[in-house]
């Protein structure tokens, strides 16, 4: 039998789990809130989902890695694009989401709301 980390199914789902900021663990260590994934009738891996606030931090860190520099160092257009991406991913449904994003971007909450309003107005056109 293959070790937990060597299972092909675990290897296949790892990029998705990492992108969500979740944690993989052996199925026998799953808690009541964990999601156990099965393949061909056998439990293969348990996924511990992050708290919503942790997810936002993970998304911001991933966007920063993708941009190759701190989000606060981006130009206005790039910051607007980051806000658009975050809105599409539900970042602003998290409590204090606007404040967290504003801090990461180095702008005020008012500026984030302006970016959101601009994006929503563009959708309406």
C-alpha atoms as a PDB file:
ATOM      1  CA  UNK A   1       0.000   0.000   0.000  1.00  0.00           C
ATOM      2  CA  UNK A   2       1.252   3.509  -0.791  1.00  0.00           C
ATOM      3  CA  UNK A   3       1.964   6.019   1.948  1.00  0.00           C
ATOM      4  CA  UNK A   4      -0.579   8.794   2.471  1.00  0.00           C
ATOM      5  CA  UNK A   5       1.488  11.479   0.724  1.00  0.00           C
ATOM      6  CA  UNK A   6       2.435   9.194  -2.171  1.00  0.00           C
ATOM      7  CA  UNK A   7      -1.123   8.350  -3.200  1.00  0.00           C
ATOM      8  CA  UNK A   8      -1.818   9.551  -6.772  1.00  0.00           C
ATOM      9  CA  UNK A   9      -5.211  10.941  -5.736  1.00  0.00           C
ATOM     10  CA  UNK A  10      -3.591  12.984  -2.954  1.00  0.00           C
ATOM     11  CA  UNK A  11      -1.029  14.265  -5.449  1.00  0.00           C
ATOM     12  CA  UNK A  12      -3.822  15.193  -7.876  1.00  0.00           C
ATOM     13  CA  UNK A  13      -5.895  17.194  -5.368  1.00  0.00           C
ATOM     14  CA  UNK A  14      -2.958  18.856  -3.582  1.00  0.00           C
ATOM     15  CA  UNK A  15      -2.804  21.951  -5.867  1.00  0.00           C
ATOM     16  CA  UNK A  16      -6.510  22.593  -5.266  1.00  0.00           C
ATOM     17  CA  UNK A  17      -6.196  22.100  -1.513  1.00  0.00           C
ATOM     18  CA  UNK A  18      -3.164  24.404  -1.422  1.00  0.00           C
ATOM     19  CA  UNK A  19      -4.984  27.059  -3.461  1.00  0.00           C
ATOM     20  CA  UNK A  20      -7.803  27.046  -0.914  1.00  0.00           C
ATOM     21  CA  UNK A  21      -5.375  27.351   1.966  1.00  0.00           C
ATOM     22  CA  UNK A  22      -6.667  24.068   3.325  1.00  0.00           C
ATOM     23  CA  UNK A  23      -4.756  21.267   5.020  1.00  0.00           C
ATOM     24  CA  UNK A  24      -4.615  17.599   4.016  1.00  0.00           C
ATOM     25  CA  UNK A  25      -4.428  14.839   6.577  1.00  0.00           C
ATOM     26  CA  UNK A  26      -4.955  11.098   6.732  1.00  0.00           C
ATOM     27  CA  UNK A  27      -8.660  10.169   6.757  1.00  0.00           C
ATOM     28  CA  UNK A  28      -8.404   8.512  10.182  1.00  0.00           C
ATOM     29  CA  UNK A  29      -7.405  11.910  11.639  1.00  0.00           C
ATOM     30  CA  UNK A  30     -10.450  13.715  10.220  1.00  0.00           C
ATOM     31  CA  UNK A  31     -12.545  15.812  12.552  1.00  0.00           C
ATOM     32  CA  UNK A  32     -16.283  16.342  12.296  1.00  0.00           C
ATOM     33  CA  UNK A  33     -15.863  19.500  10.187  1.00  0.00           C
ATOM     34  CA  UNK A  34     -13.291  18.009   7.805  1.00  0.00           C
ATOM     35  CA  UNK A  35     -14.173  16.762   4.334  1.00  0.00           C
ATOM     36  CA  UNK A  36     -13.107  13.177   3.653  1.00  0.00           C
ATOM     37  CA  UNK A  37     -12.428  12.446  -0.013  1.00  0.00           C
ATOM     38  CA  UNK A  38     -12.898   8.921  -1.273  1.00  0.00           C
ATOM     39  CA  UNK A  39     -11.674   7.296  -4.456  1.00  0.00           C
ATOM     40  CA  UNK A  40     -12.840   3.962  -5.788  1.00  0.00           C
ATOM     41  CA  UNK A  41     -14.654   3.177  -2.549  1.00  0.00           C
ATOM     42  CA  UNK A  42     -11.809   3.956  -0.156  1.00  0.00           C
ATOM     43  CA  UNK A  43     -11.247   7.041   2.007  1.00  0.00           C
ATOM     44  CA  UNK A  44      -8.005   8.555   0.727  1.00  0.00           C
ATOM     45  CA  UNK A  45      -7.534  11.982   2.290  1.00  0.00           C
ATOM     46  CA  UNK A  46      -9.267  14.372   4.661  1.00  0.00           C
ATOM     47  CA  UNK A  47      -9.302  18.082   3.923  1.00  0.00           C
ATOM     48  CA  UNK A  48      -9.448  20.603   6.748  1.00  0.00           C
ATOM     49  CA  UNK A  49     -10.873  23.800   5.308  1.00  0.00           C
ATOM     50  CA  UNK A  50      -9.523  27.118   6.561  1.00  0.00           C
ATOM     51  CA  UNK A  51     -11.569  29.658   8.463  1.00  0.00           C
ATOM     52  CA  UNK A  52     -12.977  32.361   6.173  1.00  0.00           C
ATOM     53  CA  UNK A  53     -10.693  35.065   7.574  1.00  0.00           C
ATOM     54  CA  UNK A  54      -7.678  32.811   7.007  1.00  0.00           C
ATOM     55  CA  UNK A  55      -8.872  32.200   3.448  1.00  0.00           C
ATOM     56  CA  UNK A  56      -8.790  35.918   2.696  1.00  0.00           C
ATOM     57  CA  UNK A  57      -5.234  36.180   4.016  1.00  0.00           C
ATOM     58  CA  UNK A  58      -4.275  33.173   1.886  1.00  0.00           C
ATOM     59  CA  UNK A  59      -5.864  34.703  -1.236  1.00  0.00           C
ATOM     60  CA  UNK A  60      -4.083  38.009  -0.636  1.00  0.00           C
ATOM     61  CA  UNK A  61      -0.741  36.209  -0.210  1.00  0.00           C
ATOM     62  CA  UNK A  62      -1.336  34.241  -3.430  1.00  0.00           C
ATOM     63  CA  UNK A  63      -2.153  37.440  -5.340  1.00  0.00           C
ATOM     64  CA  UNK A  64       0.988  39.043  -3.969  1.00  0.00           C
ATOM     65  CA  UNK A  65       3.090  36.071  -5.114  1.00  0.00           C
ATOM     66  CA  UNK A  66       1.443  36.245  -8.536  1.00  0.00           C
ATOM     67  CA  UNK A  67       2.192  39.973  -8.838  1.00  0.00           C
ATOM     68  CA  UNK A  68       5.764  39.456  -7.681  1.00  0.00           C
ATOM     69  CA  UNK A  69       5.714  42.351  -5.238  1.00  0.00           C
ATOM     70  CA  UNK A  70       3.697  43.671  -2.298  1.00  0.00           C
ATOM     71  CA  UNK A  71       0.144  44.597  -3.270  1.00  0.00           C
ATOM     72  CA  UNK A  72       0.673  48.055  -1.775  1.00  0.00           C
ATOM     73  CA  UNK A  73       3.382  48.668  -4.421  1.00  0.00           C
ATOM     74  CA  UNK A  74       1.014  48.081  -7.353  1.00  0.00           C
ATOM     75  CA  UNK A  75      -0.237  50.948  -9.492  1.00  0.00           C
ATOM     76  CA  UNK A  76      -3.869  52.050  -9.320  1.00  0.00           C
ATOM     77  CA  UNK A  77      -5.003  49.969 -12.297  1.00  0.00           C
ATOM     78  CA  UNK A  78      -3.424  46.812 -10.885  1.00  0.00           C
ATOM     79  CA  UNK A  79      -5.005  47.477  -7.480  1.00  0.00           C
ATOM     80  CA  UNK A  80      -8.407  47.834  -9.162  1.00  0.00           C
ATOM     81  CA  UNK A  81      -7.843  44.464 -10.849  1.00  0.00           C
ATOM     82  CA  UNK A  82      -6.956  42.896  -7.497  1.00  0.00           C
ATOM     83  CA  UNK A  83     -10.199  44.264  -6.021  1.00  0.00           C
ATOM     84  CA  UNK A  84     -12.139  42.847  -8.987  1.00  0.00           C
ATOM     85  CA  UNK A  85     -10.581  39.419  -8.459  1.00  0.00           C
ATOM     86  CA  UNK A  86     -11.253  39.548  -4.728  1.00  0.00           C
ATOM     87  CA  UNK A  87     -14.865  40.554  -5.254  1.00  0.00           C
ATOM     88  CA  UNK A  88     -15.349  37.642  -7.657  1.00  0.00           C
ATOM     89  CA  UNK A  89     -13.922  35.314  -5.000  1.00  0.00           C
ATOM     90  CA  UNK A  90     -16.250  36.636  -2.285  1.00  0.00           C
ATOM     91  CA  UNK A  91     -13.594  38.425  -0.249  1.00  0.00           C
ATOM     92  CA  UNK A  92     -15.926  41.214   0.731  1.00  0.00           C
ATOM     93  CA  UNK A  93     -18.465  38.893   2.310  1.00  0.00           C
ATOM     94  CA  UNK A  94     -15.960  38.190   5.097  1.00  0.00           C
ATOM     95  CA  UNK A  95     -16.280  40.383   8.148  1.00  0.00           C
ATOM     96  CA  UNK A  96     -13.712  43.196   7.925  1.00  0.00           C
ATOM     97  CA  UNK A  97     -12.918  42.121   4.360  1.00  0.00           C
ATOM     98  CA  UNK A  98     -12.805  45.680   3.049  1.00  0.00           C
ATOM     99  CA  UNK A  99     -10.513  46.763   5.874  1.00  0.00           C
ATOM    100  CA  UNK A 100      -8.219  43.761   5.354  1.00  0.00           C
ATOM    101  CA  UNK A 101      -7.986  44.383   1.616  1.00  0.00           C
ATOM    102  CA  UNK A 102      -7.474  48.129   2.082  1.00  0.00           C
ATOM    103  CA  UNK A 103      -4.602  47.451   4.457  1.00  0.00           C
ATOM    104  CA  UNK A 104      -2.987  44.968   2.060  1.00  0.00           C
ATOM    105  CA  UNK A 105      -3.298  47.418  -0.844  1.00  0.00           C
ATOM    106  CA  UNK A 106      -2.072  50.382   1.197  1.00  0.00           C
ATOM    107  CA  UNK A 107      -5.231  52.381   0.493  1.00  0.00           C
ATOM    108  CA  UNK A 108      -8.217  53.554   2.505  1.00  0.00           C
ATOM    109  CA  UNK A 109     -11.510  51.683   2.851  1.00  0.00           C
ATOM    110  CA  UNK A 110     -13.057  54.547   0.901  1.00  0.00           C
ATOM    111  CA  UNK A 111     -10.725  53.801  -2.019  1.00  0.00           C
ATOM    112  CA  UNK A 112     -11.657  50.096  -1.974  1.00  0.00           C
ATOM    113  CA  UNK A 113     -15.349  51.054  -2.020  1.00  0.00           C
ATOM    114  CA  UNK A 114     -14.645  53.386  -4.956  1.00  0.00           C
ATOM    115  CA  UNK A 115     -12.952  50.527  -6.829  1.00  0.00           C
ATOM    116  CA  UNK A 116     -15.940  48.277  -6.083  1.00  0.00           C
ATOM    117  CA  UNK A 117     -18.420  50.936  -7.202  1.00  0.00           C
ATOM    118  CA  UNK A 118     -16.431  51.513 -10.378  1.00  0.00           C
ATOM    119  CA  UNK A 119     -16.435  47.777 -11.137  1.00  0.00           C
ATOM    120  CA  UNK A 120     -20.174  47.463 -10.459  1.00  0.00           C
ATOM    121  CA  UNK A 121     -20.918  50.503 -12.630  1.00  0.00           C
ATOM    122  CA  UNK A 122     -18.868  48.981 -15.449  1.00  0.00           C
ATOM    123  CA  UNK A 123     -20.877  45.761 -15.161  1.00  0.00           C
ATOM    124  CA  UNK A 124     -24.092  47.748 -15.518  1.00  0.00           C
ATOM    125  CA  UNK A 125     -22.998  49.330 -18.806  1.00  0.00           C
END
